[in-house]
Amino acid sequence: MITADSSIWIDYFKGPATPHTEALDAVLNDSSHELVLLDVVLMEVLRGFRHPQELRLAKQALAALPVVTAGGEAIALLAADIYRDLRHKGLTVRSPIDLLVGAWCIRNDCDLIQNDRDYDGMVAFMGLRGA
């Protein structure tokens, strides 16, 4: 199972190719991978569209993916533990949403396509895997 952080989806919809958007595109075009969209990522991606036509097209594209809930008590507790553990190591995760995404991926054994320094500590110390 694979998911992508909102920053990757935002770059994907903007158009400039990056190694991370190319990785997402490869997963989108390979039916052997199960790509899921986290609800909090969906919210972050869709909130940034300024033009109704672009928003409609993005909603249509994303509607093909299964949307899963990133929260719940177990994920919230794990995210809080991750935050405290990383702070103890001198690393601060700035975004609570990134904490939820990372915790969900760790708990669900899901690879994450991302390009955000908030995930560096989770990769280095918490077992978060990249795609």
C-alpha atoms as a PDB file:
ATOM      1  CA  MET A   1       0.000   0.000   0.000  1.00  0.00           C
ATOM      2  CA  ILE A   2       1.212   3.489  -0.879  1.00  0.00           C
ATOM      3  CA  THR A   3       0.003   7.008  -0.176  1.00  0.00           C
ATOM      4  CA  ALA A   4       1.337  10.472  -0.975  1.00  0.00           C
ATOM      5  CA  ASP A   5       1.680  13.590   1.119  1.00  0.00           C
ATOM      6  CA  SER A   6      -0.318  16.663   0.144  1.00  0.00           C
ATOM      7  CA  SER A   7       2.783  18.514  -1.075  1.00  0.00           C
ATOM      8  CA  ILE A   8       3.331  15.818  -3.700  1.00  0.00           C
ATOM      9  CA  TRP A   9      -0.281  15.979  -4.895  1.00  0.00           C
ATOM     10  CA  ILE A  10      -0.132  19.782  -5.015  1.00  0.00           C
ATOM     11  CA  ASP A  11       3.023  19.649  -7.150  1.00  0.00           C
ATOM     12  CA  TYR A  12       1.420  16.925  -9.269  1.00  0.00           C
ATOM     13  CA  PHE A  13      -1.585  19.116 -10.066  1.00  0.00           C
ATOM     14  CA  LYS A  14       0.575  22.198 -10.694  1.00  0.00           C
ATOM     15  CA  GLY A  15       2.397  20.361 -13.452  1.00  0.00           C
ATOM     16  CA  PRO A  16       6.172  20.666 -13.050  1.00  0.00           C
ATOM     17  CA  ALA A  17       7.721  17.206 -13.039  1.00  0.00           C
ATOM     18  CA  THR A  18       9.858  16.337 -10.037  1.00  0.00           C
ATOM     19  CA  PRO A  19      11.239  12.967  -8.959  1.00  0.00           C
ATOM     20  CA  HIS A  20       8.420  12.782  -6.401  1.00  0.00           C
ATOM     21  CA  THR A  21       5.615  13.629  -8.838  1.00  0.00           C
ATOM     22  CA  GLU A  22       7.088  11.135 -11.286  1.00  0.00           C
ATOM     23  CA  ALA A  23       7.027   8.493  -8.538  1.00  0.00           C
ATOM     24  CA  LEU A  24       3.357   9.310  -7.898  1.00  0.00           C
ATOM     25  CA  ASP A  25       2.602   9.156 -11.614  1.00  0.00           C
ATOM     26  CA  ALA A  26       4.297   5.747 -11.833  1.00  0.00           C
ATOM     27  CA  VAL A  27       2.162   4.424  -8.973  1.00  0.00           C
ATOM     28  CA  LEU A  28      -0.987   5.872 -10.542  1.00  0.00           C
ATOM     29  CA  ASN A  29      -0.185   4.034 -13.771  1.00  0.00           C
ATOM     30  CA  ASP A  30       0.713   0.696 -12.154  1.00  0.00           C
ATOM     31  CA  SER A  31      -2.310  -1.285 -11.035  1.00  0.00           C
ATOM     32  CA  SER A  32      -0.138  -3.654  -8.995  1.00  0.00           C
ATOM     33  CA  HIS A  33       0.134  -0.942  -6.304  1.00  0.00           C
ATOM     34  CA  GLU A  34      -2.699  -0.073  -3.959  1.00  0.00           C
ATOM     35  CA  LEU A  35      -2.714   3.723  -3.773  1.00  0.00           C
ATOM     36  CA  VAL A  36      -4.847   5.250  -1.026  1.00  0.00           C
ATOM     37  CA  LEU A  37      -5.659   8.860  -0.249  1.00  0.00           C
ATOM     38  CA  LEU A  38      -5.832   9.991   3.361  1.00  0.00           C
ATOM     39  CA  ASP A  39      -8.761  12.244   4.230  1.00  0.00           C
ATOM     40  CA  VAL A  40      -6.540  14.943   5.740  1.00  0.00           C
ATOM     41  CA  VAL A  41      -4.400  14.954   2.590  1.00  0.00           C
ATOM     42  CA  LEU A  42      -7.529  15.283   0.456  1.00  0.00           C
ATOM     43  CA  MET A  43      -8.544  18.333   2.488  1.00  0.00           C
ATOM     44  CA  GLU A  44      -5.097  19.929   2.230  1.00  0.00           C
ATOM     45  CA  VAL A  45      -4.954  19.406  -1.531  1.00  0.00           C
ATOM     46  CA  LEU A  46      -8.445  20.625  -2.351  1.00  0.00           C
ATOM     47  CA  ARG A  47      -8.371  23.696  -0.119  1.00  0.00           C
ATOM     48  CA  GLY A  48      -5.688  25.298  -2.296  1.00  0.00           C
ATOM     49  CA  PHE A  49      -7.554  25.419  -5.609  1.00  0.00           C
ATOM     50  CA  ARG A  50      -8.616  28.924  -6.571  1.00  0.00           C
ATOM     51  CA  HIS A  51     -10.559  28.235  -9.753  1.00  0.00           C
ATOM     52  CA  PRO A  52     -13.760  26.176  -9.715  1.00  0.00           C
ATOM     53  CA  GLN A  53     -12.881  24.392 -12.969  1.00  0.00           C
ATOM     54  CA  GLU A  54      -9.508  23.229 -11.614  1.00  0.00           C
ATOM     55  CA  LEU A  55     -11.147  22.148  -8.353  1.00  0.00           C
ATOM     56  CA  ARG A  56     -13.763  20.126 -10.252  1.00  0.00           C
ATOM     57  CA  LEU A  57     -11.080  18.371 -12.326  1.00  0.00           C
ATOM     58  CA  ALA A  58      -8.990  17.588  -9.251  1.00  0.00           C
ATOM     59  CA  LYS A  59     -12.033  16.179  -7.427  1.00  0.00           C
ATOM     60  CA  GLN A  60     -12.795  13.979 -10.432  1.00  0.00           C
ATOM     61  CA  ALA A  61      -9.212  12.701 -10.581  1.00  0.00           C
ATOM     62  CA  LEU A  62      -9.037  12.000  -6.851  1.00  0.00           C
ATOM     63  CA  ALA A  63     -12.480  10.357  -6.748  1.00  0.00           C
ATOM     64  CA  ALA A  64     -10.954   7.260  -8.359  1.00  0.00           C
ATOM     65  CA  LEU A  65      -8.876   6.602  -5.228  1.00  0.00           C
ATOM     66  CA  PRO A  66     -10.060   5.013  -2.002  1.00  0.00           C
ATOM     67  CA  VAL A  67     -10.129   7.607   0.773  1.00  0.00           C
ATOM     68  CA  VAL A  68      -9.231   6.405   4.256  1.00  0.00           C
ATOM     69  CA  THR A  69      -9.485   8.152   7.604  1.00  0.00           C
ATOM     70  CA  ALA A  70      -6.113   9.133   8.993  1.00  0.00           C
ATOM     71  CA  GLY A  71      -7.326   9.781  12.499  1.00  0.00           C
ATOM     72  CA  GLY A  72      -8.920   7.948  15.356  1.00  0.00           C
ATOM     73  CA  GLU A  73      -7.745   7.394  18.901  1.00  0.00           C
ATOM     74  CA  ALA A  74      -4.949   4.920  18.137  1.00  0.00           C
ATOM     75  CA  ILE A  75      -3.439   7.130  15.439  1.00  0.00           C
ATOM     76  CA  ALA A  76      -3.769  10.249  17.597  1.00  0.00           C
ATOM     77  CA  LEU A  77      -1.960   8.520  20.474  1.00  0.00           C
ATOM     78  CA  LEU A  78       0.784   7.234  18.163  1.00  0.00           C
ATOM     79  CA  ALA A  79       1.196  10.682  16.585  1.00  0.00           C
ATOM     80  CA  ALA A  80       1.573  12.257  20.032  1.00  0.00           C
ATOM     81  CA  ASP A  81       4.153   9.608  20.987  1.00  0.00           C
ATOM     82  CA  ILE A  82       6.079  10.238  17.776  1.00  0.00           C
ATOM     83  CA  TYR A  83       6.064  13.984  18.427  1.00  0.00           C
ATOM     84  CA  ARG A  84       7.389  13.538  21.965  1.00  0.00           C
ATOM     85  CA  ASP A  85       9.988  10.943  20.940  1.00  0.00           C
ATOM     86  CA  LEU A  86      11.316  13.139  18.155  1.00  0.00           C
ATOM     87  CA  ARG A  87      11.346  16.239  20.385  1.00  0.00           C
ATOM     88  CA  HIS A  88      13.428  14.227  22.864  1.00  0.00           C
ATOM     89  CA  LYS A  89      15.872  13.609  19.994  1.00  0.00           C
ATOM     90  CA  GLY A  90      15.956  17.334  19.174  1.00  0.00           C
ATOM     91  CA  LEU A  91      13.622  17.189  16.150  1.00  0.00           C
ATOM     92  CA  THR A  92      10.353  19.089  15.917  1.00  0.00           C
ATOM     93  CA  VAL A  93       7.599  18.093  13.521  1.00  0.00           C
ATOM     94  CA  ARG A  94       5.922  21.378  12.615  1.00  0.00           C
ATOM     95  CA  SER A  95       2.677  20.037  11.179  1.00  0.00           C
ATOM     96  CA  PRO A  96       0.110  18.062  13.180  1.00  0.00           C
ATOM     97  CA  ILE A  97      -1.264  16.744   9.887  1.00  0.00           C
ATOM     98  CA  ASP A  98       2.165  15.382   8.958  1.00  0.00           C
ATOM     99  CA  LEU A  99       2.235  13.653  12.347  1.00  0.00           C
ATOM    100  CA  LEU A 100      -1.131  12.021  11.624  1.00  0.00           C
ATOM    101  CA  VAL A 101      -0.062  10.996   8.107  1.00  0.00           C
ATOM    102  CA  GLY A 102       3.223   9.565   9.349  1.00  0.00           C
ATOM    103  CA  ALA A 103       1.577   7.739  12.261  1.00  0.00           C
ATOM    104  CA  TRP A 104      -1.096   6.297   9.965  1.00  0.00           C
ATOM    105  CA  CYS A 105       1.554   5.070   7.515  1.00  0.00           C
ATOM    106  CA  ILE A 106       3.621   3.484  10.279  1.00  0.00           C
ATOM    107  CA  ARG A 107       0.593   1.802  11.878  1.00  0.00           C
ATOM    108  CA  ASN A 108      -0.732   0.545   8.514  1.00  0.00           C
ATOM    109  CA  ASP A 109       2.616  -0.511   7.005  1.00  0.00           C
ATOM    110  CA  CYS A 110       2.123   1.949   4.153  1.00  0.00           C
ATOM    111  CA  ASP A 111       4.847   3.558   2.044  1.00  0.00           C
ATOM    112  CA  LEU A 112       4.721   7.354   1.790  1.00  0.00           C
ATOM    113  CA  ILE A 113       5.742   9.456  -1.189  1.00  0.00           C
ATOM    114  CA  GLN A 114       6.845  12.737   0.344  1.00  0.00           C
ATOM    115  CA  ASN A 115       9.308  15.589   0.104  1.00  0.00           C
ATOM    116  CA  ASP A 116       8.900  17.308   3.450  1.00  0.00           C
ATOM    117  CA  ARG A 117      11.479  17.624   6.207  1.00  0.00           C
ATOM    118  CA  ASP A 118       8.772  16.994   8.809  1.00  0.00           C
ATOM    119  CA  TYR A 119       8.993  13.316   7.869  1.00  0.00           C
ATOM    120  CA  ASP A 120      12.807  13.037   8.153  1.00  0.00           C
ATOM    121  CA  GLY A 121      12.774  12.079  11.827  1.00  0.00           C
ATOM    122  CA  MET A 122       9.944   9.620  11.299  1.00  0.00           C
ATOM    123  CA  VAL A 123      11.965   7.950   8.549  1.00  0.00           C
ATOM    124  CA  ALA A 124      15.180   7.951  10.563  1.00  0.00           C
ATOM    125  CA  PHE A 125      13.810   6.890  13.958  1.00  0.00           C
ATOM    126  CA  MET A 126      10.206   5.667  13.695  1.00  0.00           C
ATOM    127  CA  GLY A 127      10.209   3.226  10.783  1.00  0.00           C
ATOM    128  CA  LEU A 128       8.350   5.368   8.250  1.00  0.00           C
ATOM    129  CA  ARG A 129       9.084   4.069   4.755  1.00  0.00           C
ATOM    130  CA  GLY A 130       9.258   6.043   1.561  1.00  0.00           C
ATOM    131  CA  ALA A 131       8.014   4.872  -1.792  1.00  0.00           C
END
